[in-house]
Amino acid sequence: GGELWLCPICLVSRDLQDAEKVAVAKVVGATPML
């Protein structure tokens, strides 16, 4: 039941925002994480 959250700014800065992601990955920023 673990969740893998990916920083959206980090994805964008690496041109990975549109890359395919594993099923468990979610794009989650600092505010929702906090």
PDB file of all heavy atoms in Angstrom:
ATOM      1  N   GLY A   1       0.789  -1.228   0.000  1.00  0.00           N
ATOM      2  CA  GLY A   1       0.000   0.000   0.000  1.00  0.00           C
ATOM      3  C   GLY A   1       0.819   1.275   0.000  1.00  0.00           C
ATOM      4  O   GLY A   1       0.276   2.361   0.194  1.00  0.00           O
ATOM      5  N   GLY A   2       2.122   1.165  -0.234  1.00  0.00           N
ATOM      6  CA  GLY A   2       2.968   2.358  -0.286  1.00  0.00           C
ATOM      7  C   GLY A   2       2.655   3.234  -1.480  1.00  0.00           C
ATOM      8  O   GLY A   2       2.167   2.753  -2.505  1.00  0.00           O
ATOM      9  N   GLU A   3       2.922   4.513  -1.326  1.00  0.00           N
ATOM     10  CA  GLU A   3       2.700   5.471  -2.410  1.00  0.00           C
ATOM     11  C   GLU A   3       4.025   6.121  -2.782  1.00  0.00           C
ATOM     12  O   GLU A   3       4.791   6.513  -1.898  1.00  0.00           O
ATOM     13  CB  GLU A   3       1.709   6.543  -1.980  1.00  0.00           C
ATOM     14  CG  GLU A   3       0.326   6.006  -1.679  1.00  0.00           C
ATOM     15  CD  GLU A   3      -0.660   7.108  -1.334  1.00  0.00           C
ATOM     16  OE1 GLU A   3      -0.597   8.190  -1.939  1.00  0.00           O
ATOM     17  OE2 GLU A   3      -1.481   6.873  -0.439  1.00  0.00           O
ATOM     18  N   LEU A   4       4.279   6.238  -4.071  1.00  0.00           N
ATOM     19  CA  LEU A   4       5.478   6.897  -4.575  1.00  0.00           C
ATOM     20  C   LEU A   4       5.059   8.234  -5.170  1.00  0.00           C
ATOM     21  O   LEU A   4       4.343   8.275  -6.165  1.00  0.00           O
ATOM     22  CB  LEU A   4       6.167   6.029  -5.632  1.00  0.00           C
ATOM     23  CG  LEU A   4       7.416   6.613  -6.277  1.00  0.00           C
ATOM     24  CD1 LEU A   4       8.485   6.923  -5.225  1.00  0.00           C
ATOM     25  CD2 LEU A   4       7.955   5.664  -7.331  1.00  0.00           C
ATOM     26  N   TRP A   5       5.483   9.305  -4.512  1.00  0.00           N
ATOM     27  CA  TRP A   5       5.146  10.649  -4.956  1.00  0.00           C
ATOM     28  C   TRP A   5       6.344  11.271  -5.644  1.00  0.00           C
ATOM     29  O   TRP A   5       7.472  11.193  -5.144  1.00  0.00           O
ATOM     30  CB  TRP A   5       4.728  11.511  -3.770  1.00  0.00           C
ATOM     31  CG  TRP A   5       3.483  11.062  -3.083  1.00  0.00           C
ATOM     32  CD1 TRP A   5       2.602  10.093  -3.488  1.00  0.00           C
ATOM     33  CD2 TRP A   5       2.966  11.560  -1.857  1.00  0.00           C
ATOM     34  NE1 TRP A   5       1.571   9.974  -2.598  1.00  0.00           N
ATOM     35  CE2 TRP A   5       1.770  10.857  -1.582  1.00  0.00           C
ATOM     36  CE3 TRP A   5       3.391  12.521  -0.955  1.00  0.00           C
ATOM     37  CZ2 TRP A   5       1.006  11.111  -0.447  1.00  0.00           C
ATOM     38  CZ3 TRP A   5       2.639  12.777   0.168  1.00  0.00           C
ATOM     39  CH2 TRP A   5       1.456  12.077   0.414  1.00  0.00           C
ATOM     40  N   LEU A   6       6.114  11.927  -6.764  1.00  0.00           N
ATOM     41  CA  LEU A   6       7.174  12.553  -7.543  1.00  0.00           C
ATOM     42  C   LEU A   6       6.997  14.067  -7.542  1.00  0.00           C
ATOM     43  O   LEU A   6       5.914  14.569  -7.845  1.00  0.00           O
ATOM     44  CB  LEU A   6       7.152  12.031  -8.979  1.00  0.00           C
ATOM     45  CG  LEU A   6       7.141  10.505  -9.153  1.00  0.00           C
ATOM     46  CD1 LEU A   6       7.057  10.147 -10.632  1.00  0.00           C
ATOM     47  CD2 LEU A   6       8.345   9.874  -8.491  1.00  0.00           C
ATOM     48  N   CYS A   7       8.064  14.772  -7.232  1.00  0.00           N
ATOM     49  CA  CYS A   7       8.053  16.231  -7.209  1.00  0.00           C
ATOM     50  C   CYS A   7       7.818  16.773  -8.624  1.00  0.00           C
ATOM     51  O   CYS A   7       8.580  16.465  -9.540  1.00  0.00           O
ATOM     52  CB  CYS A   7       9.397  16.726  -6.672  1.00  0.00           C
ATOM     53  SG  CYS A   7       9.691  18.482  -6.911  1.00  0.00           S
ATOM     54  N   PRO A   8       6.772  17.576  -8.810  1.00  0.00           N
ATOM     55  CA  PRO A   8       6.480  18.072 -10.158  1.00  0.00           C
ATOM     56  C   PRO A   8       7.562  19.005 -10.706  1.00  0.00           C
ATOM     57  O   PRO A   8       7.890  18.938 -11.902  1.00  0.00           O
ATOM     58  CB  PRO A   8       5.144  18.797 -10.003  1.00  0.00           C
ATOM     59  CG  PRO A   8       5.008  19.088  -8.548  1.00  0.00           C
ATOM     60  CD  PRO A   8       5.779  18.029  -7.830  1.00  0.00           C
ATOM     61  N   ILE A   9       8.131  19.850  -9.883  1.00  0.00           N
ATOM     62  CA  ILE A   9       9.187  20.759 -10.347  1.00  0.00           C
ATOM     63  C   ILE A   9      10.409  19.962 -10.788  1.00  0.00           C
ATOM     64  O   ILE A   9      11.048  20.282 -11.797  1.00  0.00           O
ATOM     65  CB  ILE A   9       9.546  21.785  -9.255  1.00  0.00           C
ATOM     66  CG1 ILE A   9       8.358  22.719  -9.018  1.00  0.00           C
ATOM     67  CG2 ILE A   9      10.801  22.570  -9.618  1.00  0.00           C
ATOM     68  CD1 ILE A   9       8.514  23.651  -7.837  1.00  0.00           C
ATOM     69  N   CYS A  10      10.721  18.913 -10.048  1.00  0.00           N
ATOM     70  CA  CYS A  10      11.871  18.066 -10.387  1.00  0.00           C
ATOM     71  C   CYS A  10      11.641  17.336 -11.707  1.00  0.00           C
ATOM     72  O   CYS A  10      12.574  17.169 -12.499  1.00  0.00           O
ATOM     73  CB  CYS A  10      12.146  17.075  -9.263  1.00  0.00           C
ATOM     74  SG  CYS A  10      12.475  17.885  -7.673  1.00  0.00           S
ATOM     75  N   LEU A  11      10.412  16.893 -11.956  1.00  0.00           N
ATOM     76  CA  LEU A  11      10.084  16.258 -13.232  1.00  0.00           C
ATOM     77  C   LEU A  11      10.243  17.241 -14.387  1.00  0.00           C
ATOM     78  O   LEU A  11      10.855  16.915 -15.404  1.00  0.00           O
ATOM     79  CB  LEU A  11       8.654  15.712 -13.205  1.00  0.00           C
ATOM     80  CG  LEU A  11       8.411  14.474 -12.359  1.00  0.00           C
ATOM     81  CD1 LEU A  11       6.910  14.233 -12.186  1.00  0.00           C
ATOM     82  CD2 LEU A  11       9.078  13.245 -12.963  1.00  0.00           C
ATOM     83  N   VAL A  12       9.694  18.435 -14.217  1.00  0.00           N
ATOM     84  CA  VAL A  12       9.763  19.449 -15.280  1.00  0.00           C
ATOM     85  C   VAL A  12      11.210  19.829 -15.574  1.00  0.00           C
ATOM     86  O   VAL A  12      11.613  19.927 -16.735  1.00  0.00           O
ATOM     87  CB  VAL A  12       8.928  20.693 -14.902  1.00  0.00           C
ATOM     88  CG1 VAL A  12       9.200  21.851 -15.846  1.00  0.00           C
ATOM     89  CG2 VAL A  12       7.448  20.341 -14.901  1.00  0.00           C
ATOM     90  N   SER A  13      12.013  20.018 -14.534  1.00  0.00           N
ATOM     91  CA  SER A  13      13.396  20.452 -14.753  1.00  0.00           C
ATOM     92  C   SER A  13      14.229  19.392 -15.463  1.00  0.00           C
ATOM     93  O   SER A  13      15.293  19.697 -15.994  1.00  0.00           O
ATOM     94  CB  SER A  13      14.052  20.835 -13.426  1.00  0.00           C
ATOM     95  OG  SER A  13      14.262  19.704 -12.616  1.00  0.00           O
ATOM     96  N   ARG A  14      13.742  18.159 -15.493  1.00  0.00           N
ATOM     97  CA  ARG A  14      14.437  17.074 -16.183  1.00  0.00           C
ATOM     98  C   ARG A  14      13.691  16.642 -17.458  1.00  0.00           C
ATOM     99  O   ARG A  14      13.985  15.606 -18.028  1.00  0.00           O
ATOM    100  CB  ARG A  14      14.591  15.884 -15.234  1.00  0.00           C
ATOM    101  CG  ARG A  14      15.620  16.166 -14.171  1.00  0.00           C
ATOM    102  CD  ARG A  14      15.463  15.305 -12.946  1.00  0.00           C
ATOM    103  NE  ARG A  14      16.482  15.651 -11.982  1.00  0.00           N
ATOM    104  CZ  ARG A  14      16.435  16.708 -11.167  1.00  0.00           C
ATOM    105  NH1 ARG A  14      15.397  17.525 -11.192  1.00  0.00           N
ATOM    106  NH2 ARG A  14      17.416  16.966 -10.335  1.00  0.00           N
ATOM    107  N   ASP A  15      12.709  17.433 -17.870  1.00  0.00           N
ATOM    108  CA  ASP A  15      11.885  17.136 -19.053  1.00  0.00           C
ATOM    109  C   ASP A  15      11.221  15.758 -18.944  1.00  0.00           C
ATOM    110  O   ASP A  15      11.082  15.043 -19.935  1.00  0.00           O
ATOM    111  CB  ASP A  15      12.698  17.229 -20.350  1.00  0.00           C
ATOM    112  CG  ASP A  15      13.110  18.651 -20.655  1.00  0.00           C
ATOM    113  OD1 ASP A  15      12.308  19.570 -20.374  1.00  0.00           O
ATOM    114  OD2 ASP A  15      14.229  18.851 -21.160  1.00  0.00           O
ATOM    115  N   LEU A  16      10.796  15.381 -17.746  1.00  0.00           N
ATOM    116  CA  LEU A  16      10.172  14.078 -17.511  1.00  0.00           C
ATOM    117  C   LEU A  16       8.686  14.181 -17.191  1.00  0.00           C
ATOM    118  O   LEU A  16       8.053  13.169 -16.883  1.00  0.00           O
ATOM    119  CB  LEU A  16      10.889  13.354 -16.360  1.00  0.00           C
ATOM    120  CG  LEU A  16      12.347  13.000 -16.590  1.00  0.00           C
ATOM    121  CD1 LEU A  16      12.979  12.452 -15.314  1.00  0.00           C
ATOM    122  CD2 LEU A  16      12.476  12.006 -17.736  1.00  0.00           C
ATOM    123  N   GLN A  17       8.117  15.377 -17.260  1.00  0.00           N
ATOM    124  CA  GLN A  17       6.716  15.554 -16.867  1.00  0.00           C
ATOM    125  C   GLN A  17       5.762  14.709 -17.707  1.00  0.00           C
ATOM    126  O   GLN A  17       4.725  14.275 -17.220  1.00  0.00           O
ATOM    127  CB  GLN A  17       6.305  17.030 -16.879  1.00  0.00           C
ATOM    128  CG  GLN A  17       6.282  17.675 -18.245  1.00  0.00           C
ATOM    129  CD  GLN A  17       7.615  18.246 -18.689  1.00  0.00           C
ATOM    130  OE1 GLN A  17       8.665  17.931 -18.146  1.00  0.00           O
ATOM    131  NE2 GLN A  17       7.567  19.102 -19.699  1.00  0.00           N
ATOM    132  N   ASP A  18       6.105  14.443 -18.953  1.00  0.00           N
ATOM    133  CA  ASP A  18       5.221  13.661 -19.832  1.00  0.00           C
ATOM    134  C   ASP A  18       5.685  12.213 -19.988  1.00  0.00           C
ATOM    135  O   ASP A  18       5.069  11.448 -20.730  1.00  0.00           O
ATOM    136  CB  ASP A  18       5.127  14.322 -21.210  1.00  0.00           C
ATOM    137  CG  ASP A  18       4.482  15.702 -21.135  1.00  0.00           C
ATOM    138  OD1 ASP A  18       3.561  15.879 -20.308  1.00  0.00           O
ATOM    139  OD2 ASP A  18       4.905  16.595 -21.887  1.00  0.00           O
ATOM    140  N   ALA A  19       6.743  11.841 -19.291  1.00  0.00           N
ATOM    141  CA  ALA A  19       7.266  10.475 -19.402  1.00  0.00           C
ATOM    142  C   ALA A  19       6.290   9.481 -18.777  1.00  0.00           C
ATOM    143  O   ALA A  19       5.554   9.817 -17.841  1.00  0.00           O
ATOM    144  CB  ALA A  19       8.622  10.382 -18.709  1.00  0.00           C
ATOM    145  N   GLU A  20       6.289   8.276 -19.307  1.00  0.00           N
ATOM    146  CA  GLU A  20       5.491   7.207 -18.710  1.00  0.00           C
ATOM    147  C   GLU A  20       5.988   6.957 -17.293  1.00  0.00           C
ATOM    148  O   GLU A  20       7.188   7.022 -17.021  1.00  0.00           O
ATOM    149  CB  GLU A  20       5.634   5.929 -19.543  1.00  0.00           C
ATOM    150  CG  GLU A  20       4.858   4.759 -18.996  1.00  0.00           C
ATOM    151  CD  GLU A  20       5.091   3.480 -19.776  1.00  0.00           C
ATOM    152  OE1 GLU A  20       5.760   3.510 -20.829  1.00  0.00           O
ATOM    153  OE2 GLU A  20       4.597   2.443 -19.307  1.00  0.00           O
ATOM    154  N   LYS A  21       5.057   6.686 -16.396  1.00  0.00           N
ATOM    155  CA  LYS A  21       5.403   6.450 -15.001  1.00  0.00           C
ATOM    156  C   LYS A  21       4.846   5.113 -14.540  1.00  0.00           C
ATOM    157  O   LYS A  21       3.893   4.608 -15.111  1.00  0.00           O
ATOM    158  CB  LYS A  21       4.877   7.588 -14.129  1.00  0.00           C
ATOM    159  CG  LYS A  21       5.555   8.916 -14.484  1.00  0.00           C
ATOM    160  CD  LYS A  21       4.856  10.100 -13.905  1.00  0.00           C
ATOM    161  CE  LYS A  21       5.427  11.386 -14.413  1.00  0.00           C
ATOM    162  NZ  LYS A  21       5.199  11.656 -15.820  1.00  0.00           N
ATOM    163  N   VAL A  22       5.473   4.537 -13.513  1.00  0.00           N
ATOM    164  CA  VAL A  22       4.957   3.283 -12.955  1.00  0.00           C
ATOM    165  C   VAL A  22       3.584   3.561 -12.357  1.00  0.00           C
ATOM    166  O   VAL A  22       3.263   4.690 -11.970  1.00  0.00           O
ATOM    167  CB  VAL A  22       5.919   2.684 -11.902  1.00  0.00           C
ATOM    168  CG1 VAL A  22       7.245   2.292 -12.541  1.00  0.00           C
ATOM    169  CG2 VAL A  22       6.144   3.619 -10.741  1.00  0.00           C
ATOM    170  N   ALA A  23       2.778   2.525 -12.256  1.00  0.00           N
ATOM    171  CA  ALA A  23       1.383   2.681 -11.839  1.00  0.00           C
ATOM    172  C   ALA A  23       1.234   3.325 -10.468  1.00  0.00           C
ATOM    173  O   ALA A  23       0.297   4.083 -10.239  1.00  0.00           O
ATOM    174  CB  ALA A  23       0.679   1.332 -11.855  1.00  0.00           C
ATOM    175  N   VAL A  24       2.139   3.066  -9.562  1.00  0.00           N
ATOM    176  CA  VAL A  24       2.008   3.572  -8.198  1.00  0.00           C
ATOM    177  C   VAL A  24       2.462   5.034  -8.065  1.00  0.00           C
ATOM    178  O   VAL A  24       2.196   5.676  -7.060  1.00  0.00           O
ATOM    179  CB  VAL A  24       2.781   2.657  -7.216  1.00  0.00           C
ATOM    180  CG1 VAL A  24       4.279   2.773  -7.403  1.00  0.00           C
ATOM    181  CG2 VAL A  24       2.385   2.912  -5.790  1.00  0.00           C
ATOM    182  N   ALA A  25       3.115   5.575  -9.070  1.00  0.00           N
ATOM    183  CA  ALA A  25       3.651   6.939  -8.995  1.00  0.00           C
ATOM    184  C   ALA A  25       2.556   7.984  -9.177  1.00  0.00           C
ATOM    185  O   ALA A  25       1.685   7.851 -10.028  1.00  0.00           O
ATOM    186  CB  ALA A  25       4.734   7.130 -10.047  1.00  0.00           C
ATOM    187  N   LYS A  26       2.628   9.017  -8.339  1.00  0.00           N
ATOM    188  CA  LYS A  26       1.730  10.166  -8.439  1.00  0.00           C
ATOM    189  C   LYS A  26       2.582  11.419  -8.409  1.00  0.00           C
ATOM    190  O   LYS A  26       3.578  11.483  -7.692  1.00  0.00           O
ATOM    191  CB  LYS A  26       0.778  10.217  -7.247  1.00  0.00           C
ATOM    192  CG  LYS A  26      -0.139   9.034  -7.092  1.00  0.00           C
ATOM    193  CD  LYS A  26      -0.967   9.187  -5.822  1.00  0.00           C
ATOM    194  CE  LYS A  26      -1.793   7.943  -5.572  1.00  0.00           C
ATOM    195  NZ  LYS A  26      -2.508   8.016  -4.305  1.00  0.00           N
ATOM    196  N   VAL A  27       2.180  12.419  -9.148  1.00  0.00           N
ATOM    197  CA  VAL A  27       2.866  13.699  -9.116  1.00  0.00           C
ATOM    198  C   VAL A  27       2.250  14.514  -7.979  1.00  0.00           C
ATOM    199  O   VAL A  27       1.054  14.817  -8.001  1.00  0.00           O
ATOM    200  CB  VAL A  27       2.757  14.431 -10.471  1.00  0.00           C
ATOM    201  CG1 VAL A  27       3.455  15.774 -10.405  1.00  0.00           C
ATOM    202  CG2 VAL A  27       3.337  13.560 -11.592  1.00  0.00           C
ATOM    203  N   VAL A  28       3.072  14.810  -6.979  1.00  0.00           N
ATOM    204  CA  VAL A  28       2.592  15.491  -5.775  1.00  0.00           C
ATOM    205  C   VAL A  28       3.601  16.569  -5.386  1.00  0.00           C
ATOM    206  O   VAL A  28       4.778  16.277  -5.194  1.00  0.00           O
ATOM    207  CB  VAL A  28       2.417  14.491  -4.599  1.00  0.00           C
ATOM    208  CG1 VAL A  28       1.992  15.206  -3.334  1.00  0.00           C
ATOM    209  CG2 VAL A  28       1.425  13.401  -4.960  1.00  0.00           C
ATOM    210  N   GLY A  29       3.114  17.782  -5.253  1.00  0.00           N
ATOM    211  CA  GLY A  29       3.967  18.890  -4.869  1.00  0.00           C
ATOM    212  C   GLY A  29       4.137  19.015  -3.363  1.00  0.00           C
ATOM    213  O   GLY A  29       3.595  18.229  -2.583  1.00  0.00           O
ATOM    214  N   ALA A  30       4.892  20.027  -2.972  1.00  0.00           N
ATOM    215  CA  ALA A  30       5.212  20.236  -1.560  1.00  0.00           C
ATOM    216  C   ALA A  30       3.976  20.528  -0.719  1.00  0.00           C
ATOM    217  O   ALA A  30       3.857  20.036   0.408  1.00  0.00           O
ATOM    218  CB  ALA A  30       6.229  21.370  -1.420  1.00  0.00           C
ATOM    219  N   THR A  31       3.048  21.315  -1.228  1.00  0.00           N
ATOM    220  CA  THR A  31       1.871  21.675  -0.432  1.00  0.00           C
ATOM    221  C   THR A  31       1.025  20.456  -0.082  1.00  0.00           C
ATOM    222  O   THR A  31       0.732  20.238   1.100  1.00  0.00           O
ATOM    223  CB  THR A  31       1.035  22.748  -1.152  1.00  0.00           C
ATOM    224  OG1 THR A  31       1.864  23.912  -1.324  1.00  0.00           O
ATOM    225  CG2 THR A  31      -0.202  23.116  -0.359  1.00  0.00           C
ATOM    226  N   PRO A  32       0.650  19.596  -1.052  1.00  0.00           N
ATOM    227  CA  PRO A  32      -0.106  18.402  -0.672  1.00  0.00           C
ATOM    228  C   PRO A  32       0.692  17.464   0.241  1.00  0.00           C
ATOM    229  O   PRO A  32       0.127  16.826   1.129  1.00  0.00           O
ATOM    230  CB  PRO A  32      -0.426  17.710  -1.997  1.00  0.00           C
ATOM    231  CG  PRO A  32      -0.215  18.739  -3.048  1.00  0.00           C
ATOM    232  CD  PRO A  32       0.750  19.733  -2.506  1.00  0.00           C
ATOM    233  N   MET A  33       2.008  17.391   0.018  1.00  0.00           N
ATOM    234  CA  MET A  33       2.832  16.547   0.872  1.00  0.00           C
ATOM    235  C   MET A  33       2.796  17.060   2.306  1.00  0.00           C
ATOM    236  O   MET A  33       2.611  16.295   3.255  1.00  0.00           O
ATOM    237  CB  MET A  33       4.269  16.505   0.347  1.00  0.00           C
ATOM    238  CG  MET A  33       5.193  15.572   1.120  1.00  0.00           C
ATOM    239  SD  MET A  33       6.041  16.325   2.523  1.00  0.00           S
ATOM    240  CE  MET A  33       7.019  17.578   1.742  1.00  0.00           C
ATOM    241  N   LEU A  34       2.917  18.364   2.485  1.00  0.00           N
ATOM    242  CA  LEU A  34       2.889  18.946   3.827  1.00  0.00           C
ATOM    243  C   LEU A  34       1.507  18.815   4.466  1.00  0.00           C
ATOM    244  O   LEU A  34       1.398  18.677   5.687  1.00  0.00           O
ATOM    245  CB  LEU A  34       3.336  20.401   3.795  1.00  0.00           C
ATOM    246  CG  LEU A  34       4.837  20.584   3.547  1.00  0.00           C
ATOM    247  CD1 LEU A  34       5.162  22.045   3.293  1.00  0.00           C
ATOM    248  CD2 LEU A  34       5.660  20.026   4.691  1.00  0.00           C
TER     249      LEU A  34
END
